[in-house]
Amino acid sequence: MHSSLSSTVCSTPTNDSVEKIIKNDSIRYQRKGYGLISATLLTISFFIFVPKLIQMIWPYFLKNMSKETMFLIIAISLHSGVYFLSNVVMFVIYKIKLPFFERYRISDKAWPWESKPEMWGAILKRTLKMLAFCHFVIVPLLTMFEIKSGLKMRMDMESFPSIKEIFGQIIFFMICEDFFFYWGHRLLHHPRVYPHIHKIHHEYNITISLAAEYAHPVEFLIGNIVSVIL
């Protein structure tokens, strides 16, 4: 009876599971040297270096593309490009197993391609198919819908945002995204919803980068896209 339930609903964690979660979280927040420096540099790049780079190349886009084409290309390439490039980088990190990176692992489990290579091959195929559909069908359709609805974005050079405005907008939308993602995720864990939608995401029982957006198309909309565009 227990096994059939655990395969169809999101069960309440046991005390042992809660203790493991707390232990893993405590490992995550231990000081590990260069991690804080890397995170700081990455944050600074979002607020200063990336906007400056965009400001340099923006006139080229304005000269050679319509605003609608710019929005379509940038919206799709930024989301999918960053996601897939990040996964290539993470795949290399997983494979080389340098001690510098291994210190950041929060689980001592073997990677799925090491412990269960045949099962990994099957889930990898499903993952790539689902990601391809979500990234190259759902995202373009939503982008086109937003374009047809009328773009309400500043795209001219004269009103290019300052660092102060960029900082304020990023903080504000981080809060908005976190709020909608949280409540969308709670909805997906409802017993009547979980087995039909969110259970797909939990086919992965170990944290790897590729699983971040591996989800049912409905969850991709509710949890990943809508929480961002709102």
C-alpha atoms as a PDB file:
ATOM      1  CA  MET A   1       0.000   0.000   0.000  1.00  0.00           C
ATOM      2  CA  HIS A   2       2.783   2.398   0.866  1.00  0.00           C
ATOM      3  CA  SER A   3       4.694   1.809  -2.368  1.00  0.00           C
ATOM      4  CA  SER A   4       1.634   2.479  -4.547  1.00  0.00           C
ATOM      5  CA  LEU A   5       0.923   5.709  -2.719  1.00  0.00           C
ATOM      6  CA  SER A   6       4.481   6.931  -2.943  1.00  0.00           C
ATOM      7  CA  SER A   7       4.366   6.473  -6.702  1.00  0.00           C
ATOM      8  CA  THR A   8       1.286   8.635  -7.184  1.00  0.00           C
ATOM      9  CA  VAL A   9       1.322  11.391  -4.566  1.00  0.00           C
ATOM     10  CA  CYS A  10       3.807  13.720  -2.965  1.00  0.00           C
ATOM     11  CA  SER A  11       4.244  12.183   0.494  1.00  0.00           C
ATOM     12  CA  THR A  12       5.047  14.042   3.715  1.00  0.00           C
ATOM     13  CA  PRO A  13       8.748  13.610   4.544  1.00  0.00           C
ATOM     14  CA  THR A  14       9.677  11.440   7.537  1.00  0.00           C
ATOM     15  CA  ASN A  15      11.729  12.738  10.457  1.00  0.00           C
ATOM     16  CA  ASP A  16      14.756  11.002   8.969  1.00  0.00           C
ATOM     17  CA  SER A  17      14.195  12.785   5.653  1.00  0.00           C
ATOM     18  CA  VAL A  18      13.811  16.134   7.388  1.00  0.00           C
ATOM     19  CA  GLU A  19      17.101  15.567   9.240  1.00  0.00           C
ATOM     20  CA  LYS A  20      18.846  14.815   5.934  1.00  0.00           C
ATOM     21  CA  ILE A  21      17.400  17.974   4.380  1.00  0.00           C
ATOM     22  CA  ILE A  22      18.632  20.065   7.328  1.00  0.00           C
ATOM     23  CA  LYS A  23      22.062  18.416   7.129  1.00  0.00           C
ATOM     24  CA  ASN A  24      22.301  19.087   3.385  1.00  0.00           C
ATOM     25  CA  ASP A  25      21.253  22.710   3.870  1.00  0.00           C
ATOM     26  CA  SER A  26      23.858  23.176   6.601  1.00  0.00           C
ATOM     27  CA  ILE A  27      26.507  21.868   4.175  1.00  0.00           C
ATOM     28  CA  ARG A  28      25.307  24.322   1.526  1.00  0.00           C
ATOM     29  CA  TYR A  29      25.885  27.303   3.788  1.00  0.00           C
ATOM     30  CA  GLN A  30      29.307  26.336   5.098  1.00  0.00           C
ATOM     31  CA  ARG A  31      32.154  28.609   4.024  1.00  0.00           C
ATOM     32  CA  LYS A  32      33.973  27.047   1.081  1.00  0.00           C
ATOM     33  CA  GLY A  33      36.532  29.657   0.108  1.00  0.00           C
ATOM     34  CA  TYR A  34      36.264  31.034  -3.391  1.00  0.00           C
ATOM     35  CA  GLY A  35      32.502  30.479  -3.732  1.00  0.00           C
ATOM     36  CA  LEU A  36      31.622  33.840  -2.193  1.00  0.00           C
ATOM     37  CA  ILE A  37      34.107  35.639  -4.454  1.00  0.00           C
ATOM     38  CA  SER A  38      32.698  33.925  -7.560  1.00  0.00           C
ATOM     39  CA  ALA A  39      29.117  34.716  -6.555  1.00  0.00           C
ATOM     40  CA  THR A  40      30.033  38.353  -5.904  1.00  0.00           C
ATOM     41  CA  LEU A  41      31.709  38.740  -9.304  1.00  0.00           C
ATOM     42  CA  LEU A  42      28.736  37.104 -11.013  1.00  0.00           C
ATOM     43  CA  THR A  43      26.325  39.473  -9.258  1.00  0.00           C
ATOM     44  CA  ILE A  44      28.397  42.508 -10.190  1.00  0.00           C
ATOM     45  CA  SER A  45      28.427  41.361 -13.816  1.00  0.00           C
ATOM     46  CA  PHE A  46      24.620  41.354 -13.890  1.00  0.00           C
ATOM     47  CA  PHE A  47      24.433  44.892 -12.546  1.00  0.00           C
ATOM     48  CA  ILE A  48      27.381  46.523 -14.334  1.00  0.00           C
ATOM     49  CA  PHE A  49      29.318  44.575 -16.976  1.00  0.00           C
ATOM     50  CA  VAL A  50      26.453  42.893 -18.867  1.00  0.00           C
ATOM     51  CA  PRO A  51      24.386  46.128 -19.153  1.00  0.00           C
ATOM     52  CA  LYS A  52      27.488  47.953 -20.450  1.00  0.00           C
ATOM     53  CA  LEU A  53      28.062  45.245 -23.056  1.00  0.00           C
ATOM     54  CA  ILE A  54      24.427  45.376 -24.149  1.00  0.00           C
ATOM     55  CA  GLN A  55      24.602  49.163 -24.374  1.00  0.00           C
ATOM     56  CA  MET A  56      27.540  48.819 -26.777  1.00  0.00           C
ATOM     57  CA  ILE A  57      25.848  46.383 -29.174  1.00  0.00           C
ATOM     58  CA  TRP A  58      22.292  47.750 -28.876  1.00  0.00           C
ATOM     59  CA  PRO A  59      22.662  50.305 -31.730  1.00  0.00           C
ATOM     60  CA  TYR A  60      23.489  47.454 -34.122  1.00  0.00           C
ATOM     61  CA  PHE A  61      20.208  45.698 -33.303  1.00  0.00           C
ATOM     62  CA  LEU A  62      18.202  48.903 -33.622  1.00  0.00           C
ATOM     63  CA  LYS A  63      19.739  49.605 -37.017  1.00  0.00           C
ATOM     64  CA  ASN A  64      19.300  46.140 -38.519  1.00  0.00           C
ATOM     65  CA  MET A  65      16.150  44.728 -36.912  1.00  0.00           C
ATOM     66  CA  SER A  66      12.598  45.702 -36.079  1.00  0.00           C
ATOM     67  CA  LYS A  67      11.694  45.946 -32.402  1.00  0.00           C
ATOM     68  CA  GLU A  68       9.528  42.824 -32.705  1.00  0.00           C
ATOM     69  CA  THR A  69      12.369  40.791 -34.240  1.00  0.00           C
ATOM     70  CA  MET A  70      14.775  42.031 -31.573  1.00  0.00           C
ATOM     71  CA  PHE A  71      12.415  41.032 -28.811  1.00  0.00           C
ATOM     72  CA  LEU A  72      11.805  37.581 -30.324  1.00  0.00           C
ATOM     73  CA  ILE A  73      15.497  36.780 -30.837  1.00  0.00           C
ATOM     74  CA  ILE A  74      16.653  38.154 -27.494  1.00  0.00           C
ATOM     75  CA  ALA A  75      13.857  36.521 -25.459  1.00  0.00           C
ATOM     76  CA  ILE A  76      14.485  33.073 -26.938  1.00  0.00           C
ATOM     77  CA  SER A  77      18.279  33.173 -27.208  1.00  0.00           C
ATOM     78  CA  LEU A  78      18.840  34.546 -23.704  1.00  0.00           C
ATOM     79  CA  HIS A  79      16.641  31.957 -22.009  1.00  0.00           C
ATOM     80  CA  SER A  80      17.622  28.889 -24.030  1.00  0.00           C
ATOM     81  CA  GLY A  81      21.202  29.997 -24.688  1.00  0.00           C
ATOM     82  CA  VAL A  82      22.051  30.589 -21.034  1.00  0.00           C
ATOM     83  CA  TYR A  83      20.298  27.379 -19.955  1.00  0.00           C
ATOM     84  CA  PHE A  84      22.024  25.066 -22.423  1.00  0.00           C
ATOM     85  CA  LEU A  85      25.438  26.759 -22.150  1.00  0.00           C
ATOM     86  CA  SER A  86      25.247  26.471 -18.358  1.00  0.00           C
ATOM     87  CA  ASN A  87      24.493  22.768 -18.672  1.00  0.00           C
ATOM     88  CA  VAL A  88      27.481  22.214 -20.955  1.00  0.00           C
ATOM     89  CA  VAL A  89      29.706  23.910 -18.373  1.00  0.00           C
ATOM     90  CA  MET A  90      28.156  21.860 -15.550  1.00  0.00           C
ATOM     91  CA  PHE A  91      28.590  18.624 -17.539  1.00  0.00           C
ATOM     92  CA  VAL A  92      32.329  19.325 -17.791  1.00  0.00           C
ATOM     93  CA  ILE A  93      32.461  20.066 -14.055  1.00  0.00           C
ATOM     94  CA  TYR A  94      30.649  16.805 -13.272  1.00  0.00           C
ATOM     95  CA  LYS A  95      33.074  14.822 -15.437  1.00  0.00           C
ATOM     96  CA  ILE A  96      36.441  16.266 -14.407  1.00  0.00           C
ATOM     97  CA  LYS A  97      35.722  16.019 -10.658  1.00  0.00           C
ATOM     98  CA  LEU A  98      38.211  18.631  -9.558  1.00  0.00           C
ATOM     99  CA  PRO A  99      38.453  18.955  -5.747  1.00  0.00           C
ATOM    100  CA  PHE A 100      37.920  22.713  -6.192  1.00  0.00           C
ATOM    101  CA  PHE A 101      34.381  22.019  -7.471  1.00  0.00           C
ATOM    102  CA  GLU A 102      33.682  18.809  -5.555  1.00  0.00           C
ATOM    103  CA  ARG A 103      33.690  20.713  -2.258  1.00  0.00           C
ATOM    104  CA  TYR A 104      30.375  22.297  -3.302  1.00  0.00           C
ATOM    105  CA  ARG A 105      28.507  19.011  -3.651  1.00  0.00           C
ATOM    106  CA  ILE A 106      25.627  18.686  -1.205  1.00  0.00           C
ATOM    107  CA  SER A 107      25.063  14.960  -1.772  1.00  0.00           C
ATOM    108  CA  ASP A 108      27.416  11.997  -1.577  1.00  0.00           C
ATOM    109  CA  LYS A 109      25.300   9.943  -4.005  1.00  0.00           C
ATOM    110  CA  ALA A 110      26.896   8.787  -7.242  1.00  0.00           C
ATOM    111  CA  TRP A 111      25.776  10.618 -10.377  1.00  0.00           C
ATOM    112  CA  PRO A 112      22.972   8.757 -12.211  1.00  0.00           C
ATOM    113  CA  TRP A 113      25.143   8.115 -15.308  1.00  0.00           C
ATOM    114  CA  GLU A 114      27.609   6.348 -13.002  1.00  0.00           C
ATOM    115  CA  SER A 115      25.239   4.362 -10.784  1.00  0.00           C
ATOM    116  CA  LYS A 116      22.532   3.462 -13.333  1.00  0.00           C
ATOM    117  CA  PRO A 117      23.796   4.153 -16.880  1.00  0.00           C
ATOM    118  CA  GLU A 118      20.926   2.371 -18.689  1.00  0.00           C
ATOM    119  CA  MET A 119      18.242   4.145 -16.673  1.00  0.00           C
ATOM    120  CA  TRP A 120      20.126   7.412 -17.152  1.00  0.00           C
ATOM    121  CA  GLY A 121      20.109   6.941 -20.931  1.00  0.00           C
ATOM    122  CA  ALA A 122      16.327   6.552 -20.934  1.00  0.00           C
ATOM    123  CA  ILE A 123      15.591   9.548 -18.710  1.00  0.00           C
ATOM    124  CA  LEU A 124      18.109  11.683 -20.624  1.00  0.00           C
ATOM    125  CA  LYS A 125      16.184  11.071 -23.870  1.00  0.00           C
ATOM    126  CA  ARG A 126      12.887  12.004 -22.192  1.00  0.00           C
ATOM    127  CA  THR A 127      14.481  15.073 -20.660  1.00  0.00           C
ATOM    128  CA  LEU A 128      15.934  16.358 -23.936  1.00  0.00           C
ATOM    129  CA  LYS A 129      12.619  15.832 -25.765  1.00  0.00           C
ATOM    130  CA  MET A 130      10.659  17.659 -23.061  1.00  0.00           C
ATOM    131  CA  LEU A 131      13.184  20.509 -22.885  1.00  0.00           C
ATOM    132  CA  ALA A 132      13.180  20.887 -26.671  1.00  0.00           C
ATOM    133  CA  PHE A 133       9.377  21.156 -26.716  1.00  0.00           C
ATOM    134  CA  CYS A 134       9.278  23.670 -23.854  1.00  0.00           C
ATOM    135  CA  HIS A 135      12.128  25.848 -25.110  1.00  0.00           C
ATOM    136  CA  PHE A 136      11.468  25.792 -28.847  1.00  0.00           C
ATOM    137  CA  VAL A 137       7.669  25.541 -28.975  1.00  0.00           C
ATOM    138  CA  ILE A 138       6.187  27.005 -25.779  1.00  0.00           C
ATOM    139  CA  VAL A 139       8.636  29.911 -25.354  1.00  0.00           C
ATOM    140  CA  PRO A 140       8.395  31.119 -28.997  1.00  0.00           C
ATOM    141  CA  LEU A 141       4.579  30.873 -28.909  1.00  0.00           C
ATOM    142  CA  LEU A 142       4.405  32.896 -25.682  1.00  0.00           C
ATOM    143  CA  THR A 143       6.859  35.425 -27.088  1.00  0.00           C
ATOM    144  CA  MET A 144       4.809  35.814 -30.262  1.00  0.00           C
ATOM    145  CA  PHE A 145       1.665  36.219 -28.163  1.00  0.00           C
ATOM    146  CA  GLU A 146       3.326  39.011 -26.177  1.00  0.00           C
ATOM    147  CA  ILE A 147       4.435  40.709 -29.398  1.00  0.00           C
ATOM    148  CA  LYS A 148       0.930  40.519 -30.884  1.00  0.00           C
ATOM    149  CA  SER A 149      -0.497  41.893 -27.649  1.00  0.00           C
ATOM    150  CA  GLY A 150       1.642  45.002 -28.060  1.00  0.00           C
ATOM    151  CA  LEU A 151       5.165  45.464 -26.739  1.00  0.00           C
ATOM    152  CA  LYS A 152       5.284  47.755 -23.724  1.00  0.00           C
ATOM    153  CA  MET A 153       9.060  47.981 -23.480  1.00  0.00           C
ATOM    154  CA  ARG A 154      11.594  50.760 -23.852  1.00  0.00           C
ATOM    155  CA  MET A 155      14.026  49.753 -26.582  1.00  0.00           C
ATOM    156  CA  ASP A 156      15.527  53.083 -27.662  1.00  0.00           C
ATOM    157  CA  MET A 157      19.038  54.210 -26.769  1.00  0.00           C
ATOM    158  CA  GLU A 158      17.870  57.531 -25.293  1.00  0.00           C
ATOM    159  CA  SER A 159      16.099  55.873 -22.363  1.00  0.00           C
ATOM    160  CA  PHE A 160      18.650  53.097 -21.741  1.00  0.00           C
ATOM    161  CA  PRO A 161      18.401  52.442 -17.968  1.00  0.00           C
ATOM    162  CA  SER A 162      21.089  53.558 -15.552  1.00  0.00           C
ATOM    163  CA  ILE A 163      22.831  51.149 -13.165  1.00  0.00           C
ATOM    164  CA  LYS A 164      20.631  52.464 -10.346  1.00  0.00           C
ATOM    165  CA  GLU A 165      17.452  51.708 -12.317  1.00  0.00           C
ATOM    166  CA  ILE A 166      18.732  48.286 -13.369  1.00  0.00           C
ATOM    167  CA  PHE A 167      19.552  47.456  -9.750  1.00  0.00           C
ATOM    168  CA  GLY A 168      16.080  48.497  -8.555  1.00  0.00           C
ATOM    169  CA  GLN A 169      14.278  46.579 -11.293  1.00  0.00           C
ATOM    170  CA  ILE A 170      16.285  43.390 -10.743  1.00  0.00           C
ATOM    171  CA  ILE A 171      15.612  43.433  -6.985  1.00  0.00           C
ATOM    172  CA  PHE A 172      11.898  44.147  -7.517  1.00  0.00           C
ATOM    173  CA  PHE A 173      11.419  41.397 -10.088  1.00  0.00           C
ATOM    174  CA  MET A 174      13.457  38.903  -8.072  1.00  0.00           C
ATOM    175  CA  ILE A 175      10.896  39.378  -5.291  1.00  0.00           C
ATOM    176  CA  CYS A 176       7.983  39.052  -7.746  1.00  0.00           C
ATOM    177  CA  GLU A 177       9.454  35.946  -9.365  1.00  0.00           C
ATOM    178  CA  ASP A 178      10.107  34.331  -5.989  1.00  0.00           C
ATOM    179  CA  PHE A 179       6.550  35.056  -4.834  1.00  0.00           C
ATOM    180  CA  PHE A 180       4.832  33.593  -7.910  1.00  0.00           C
ATOM    181  CA  PHE A 181       7.228  30.651  -8.152  1.00  0.00           C
ATOM    182  CA  TYR A 182       6.580  29.740  -4.514  1.00  0.00           C
ATOM    183  CA  TRP A 183       2.791  29.736  -4.826  1.00  0.00           C
ATOM    184  CA  GLY A 184       2.908  28.021  -8.209  1.00  0.00           C
ATOM    185  CA  HIS A 185       5.122  25.331  -6.712  1.00  0.00           C
ATOM    186  CA  ARG A 186       2.753  24.857  -3.779  1.00  0.00           C
ATOM    187  CA  LEU A 187      -0.115  24.404  -6.226  1.00  0.00           C
ATOM    188  CA  LEU A 188       1.877  21.776  -8.132  1.00  0.00           C
ATOM    189  CA  HIS A 189       2.408  19.835  -4.884  1.00  0.00           C
ATOM    190  CA  HIS A 190      -1.333  19.590  -4.218  1.00  0.00           C
ATOM    191  CA  PRO A 191      -2.246  15.860  -3.983  1.00  0.00           C
ATOM    192  CA  ARG A 192      -4.706  16.158  -6.897  1.00  0.00           C
ATOM    193  CA  VAL A 193      -2.173  17.901  -9.123  1.00  0.00           C
ATOM    194  CA  TYR A 194       1.167  16.333  -8.197  1.00  0.00           C
ATOM    195  CA  PRO A 195       0.794  12.846  -9.769  1.00  0.00           C
ATOM    196  CA  HIS A 196      -0.359  14.268 -13.113  1.00  0.00           C
ATOM    197  CA  ILE A 197       2.093  17.148 -13.551  1.00  0.00           C
ATOM    198  CA  HIS A 198       4.824  17.784 -10.971  1.00  0.00           C
ATOM    199  CA  LYS A 199       5.775  14.135 -10.520  1.00  0.00           C
ATOM    200  CA  ILE A 200       7.628  14.281 -13.853  1.00  0.00           C
ATOM    201  CA  HIS A 201      10.079  16.804 -12.422  1.00  0.00           C
ATOM    202  CA  HIS A 202      10.728  14.526  -9.447  1.00  0.00           C
ATOM    203  CA  GLU A 203      11.865  11.644 -11.642  1.00  0.00           C
ATOM    204  CA  TYR A 204      15.263  13.037 -10.708  1.00  0.00           C
ATOM    205  CA  ASN A 205      16.104  12.146  -7.104  1.00  0.00           C
ATOM    206  CA  ILE A 206      19.496  13.864  -7.183  1.00  0.00           C
ATOM    207  CA  THR A 207      20.180  17.503  -7.997  1.00  0.00           C
ATOM    208  CA  ILE A 208      21.784  18.005 -11.405  1.00  0.00           C
ATOM    209  CA  SER A 209      21.653  21.107 -13.575  1.00  0.00           C
ATOM    210  CA  LEU A 210      19.717  19.525 -16.451  1.00  0.00           C
ATOM    211  CA  ALA A 211      16.768  18.792 -14.144  1.00  0.00           C
ATOM    212  CA  ALA A 212      16.201  22.492 -13.374  1.00  0.00           C
ATOM    213  CA  GLU A 213      13.632  22.953 -16.162  1.00  0.00           C
ATOM    214  CA  TYR A 214      12.728  19.331 -16.833  1.00  0.00           C
ATOM    215  CA  ALA A 215       9.005  19.525 -16.236  1.00  0.00           C
ATOM    216  CA  HIS A 216       5.564  18.864 -17.687  1.00  0.00           C
ATOM    217  CA  PRO A 217       4.618  21.640 -20.169  1.00  0.00           C
ATOM    218  CA  VAL A 218       1.915  22.854 -17.781  1.00  0.00           C
ATOM    219  CA  GLU A 219       4.460  23.147 -14.967  1.00  0.00           C
ATOM    220  CA  PHE A 220       6.877  24.852 -17.344  1.00  0.00           C
ATOM    221  CA  LEU A 221       4.196  27.496 -17.899  1.00  0.00           C
ATOM    222  CA  ILE A 222       3.083  27.868 -14.271  1.00  0.00           C
ATOM    223  CA  GLY A 223       6.360  27.437 -12.452  1.00  0.00           C
ATOM    224  CA  ASN A 224       9.001  28.714 -14.845  1.00  0.00           C
ATOM    225  CA  ILE A 225       7.547  31.105 -17.404  1.00  0.00           C
ATOM    226  CA  VAL A 226       4.471  32.762 -15.889  1.00  0.00           C
ATOM    227  CA  SER A 227       6.325  33.490 -12.655  1.00  0.00           C
ATOM    228  CA  VAL A 228       8.945  35.360 -14.722  1.00  0.00           C
ATOM    229  CA  ILE A 229       6.712  37.311 -17.142  1.00  0.00           C
ATOM    230  CA  LEU A 230       4.336  38.426 -14.388  1.00  0.00           C
END
